[in-house]
Structure formats: C-alpha cells, structure tokens
Amino acid sequence: MTINADGLLSVIDTATNAIVADVAVAGASVVAASPDGTRVYVRDSLRTRSV
C-alpha cells in the first residue's frame, strides 16, 4: 500500500506487483493493514479512521 501525492491509496497485488485499485484518502497520515490482510485502517489529519 502506498499513498501518492494526490491522496490516493494504491492497493497492490503482491503476486503481480500491479496496482489493482486506488482509493481516495486525502489527508491520510498513517495507514496500517490488519494482520490477516483483509482490512486497511487509515488515520487522516483529523484523526478519524476509515476502513
């Protein structure tokens, strides 16, 4: 997972290293994945969370 300058979180297929989706997360400062990889948590500049 990466966040680019446009505020998009790129979801990457680790088997192919290809970007499979972009999700808008403007203002994100921290991104973490659950241990099983089924969820992503994003903290934005207002300290709210998105899943």
C-alpha atoms as a PDB file:
ATOM      1  CA  MET A   1       0.000   0.000   0.000  1.00  0.00           C
ATOM      2  CA  THR A   2       1.202   3.450  -0.826  1.00  0.00           C
ATOM      3  CA  ILE A   3      -0.347   6.905  -0.696  1.00  0.00           C
ATOM      4  CA  ASN A   4       0.580   9.193  -3.566  1.00  0.00           C
ATOM      5  CA  ALA A   5       0.681  12.989  -3.640  1.00  0.00           C
ATOM      6  CA  ASP A   6      -2.910  13.118  -4.927  1.00  0.00           C
ATOM      7  CA  GLY A   7      -4.204  11.466  -1.747  1.00  0.00           C
ATOM      8  CA  LEU A   8      -4.887   8.106  -3.345  1.00  0.00           C
ATOM      9  CA  LEU A   9      -4.109   4.842  -1.579  1.00  0.00           C
ATOM     10  CA  SER A  10      -2.856   2.357  -4.156  1.00  0.00           C
ATOM     11  CA  VAL A  11      -3.780  -1.251  -3.458  1.00  0.00           C
ATOM     12  CA  ILE A  12      -1.095  -3.554  -4.808  1.00  0.00           C
ATOM     13  CA  ASP A  13      -1.457  -7.226  -5.710  1.00  0.00           C
ATOM     14  CA  THR A  14       1.668  -8.711  -4.145  1.00  0.00           C
ATOM     15  CA  ALA A  15       1.612 -11.699  -6.508  1.00  0.00           C
ATOM     16  CA  THR A  16       1.994  -9.460  -9.571  1.00  0.00           C
ATOM     17  CA  ASN A  17       3.174  -6.135  -8.054  1.00  0.00           C
ATOM     18  CA  ALA A  18       0.390  -4.475 -10.037  1.00  0.00           C
ATOM     19  CA  ILE A  19      -1.877  -1.707  -8.764  1.00  0.00           C
ATOM     20  CA  VAL A  20      -5.371  -3.179  -8.629  1.00  0.00           C
ATOM     21  CA  ALA A  21      -7.259  -0.218  -7.153  1.00  0.00           C
ATOM     22  CA  ASP A  22      -6.900   3.379  -5.997  1.00  0.00           C
ATOM     23  CA  VAL A  23      -8.897   4.642  -3.016  1.00  0.00           C
ATOM     24  CA  ALA A  24      -9.228   8.343  -2.165  1.00  0.00           C
ATOM     25  CA  VAL A  25      -7.817   9.030   1.320  1.00  0.00           C
ATOM     26  CA  ALA A  26      -6.985  12.726   1.183  1.00  0.00           C
ATOM     27  CA  GLY A  27      -5.160  13.969   4.253  1.00  0.00           C
ATOM     28  CA  ALA A  28      -4.077  10.483   5.342  1.00  0.00           C
ATOM     29  CA  SER A  29      -1.123  10.411   7.675  1.00  0.00           C
ATOM     30  CA  VAL A  30      -0.985   6.762   8.776  1.00  0.00           C
ATOM     31  CA  VAL A  31      -2.018   3.548   7.027  1.00  0.00           C
ATOM     32  CA  ALA A  32      -1.972   0.079   8.585  1.00  0.00           C
ATOM     33  CA  ALA A  33      -3.202  -3.323   7.447  1.00  0.00           C
ATOM     34  CA  SER A  34      -4.765  -5.938   9.688  1.00  0.00           C
ATOM     35  CA  PRO A  35      -2.551  -8.985  10.327  1.00  0.00           C
ATOM     36  CA  ASP A  36      -4.681 -11.172   8.072  1.00  0.00           C
ATOM     37  CA  GLY A  37      -4.634  -8.564   5.279  1.00  0.00           C
ATOM     38  CA  THR A  38      -8.407  -8.266   4.979  1.00  0.00           C
ATOM     39  CA  ARG A  39      -8.721  -4.665   6.231  1.00  0.00           C
ATOM     40  CA  VAL A  40      -6.847  -1.405   5.943  1.00  0.00           C
ATOM     41  CA  TYR A  41      -7.059   1.354   8.536  1.00  0.00           C
ATOM     42  CA  VAL A  42      -6.331   4.978   7.613  1.00  0.00           C
ATOM     43  CA  ARG A  43      -5.825   7.879  10.003  1.00  0.00           C
ATOM     44  CA  ASP A  44      -6.312  11.295   8.466  1.00  0.00           C
ATOM     45  CA  SER A  45      -5.215  14.718   9.662  1.00  0.00           C
ATOM     46  CA  LEU A  46      -8.377  14.973  11.805  1.00  0.00           C
ATOM     47  CA  ARG A  47      -7.503  11.661  13.487  1.00  0.00           C
ATOM     48  CA  THR A  48     -10.573   9.885  12.205  1.00  0.00           C
ATOM     49  CA  ARG A  49     -10.412   6.376  10.853  1.00  0.00           C
ATOM     50  CA  SER A  50     -11.631   4.794   7.646  1.00  0.00           C
ATOM     51  CA  VAL A  51     -11.805   1.138   6.708  1.00  0.00           C
END
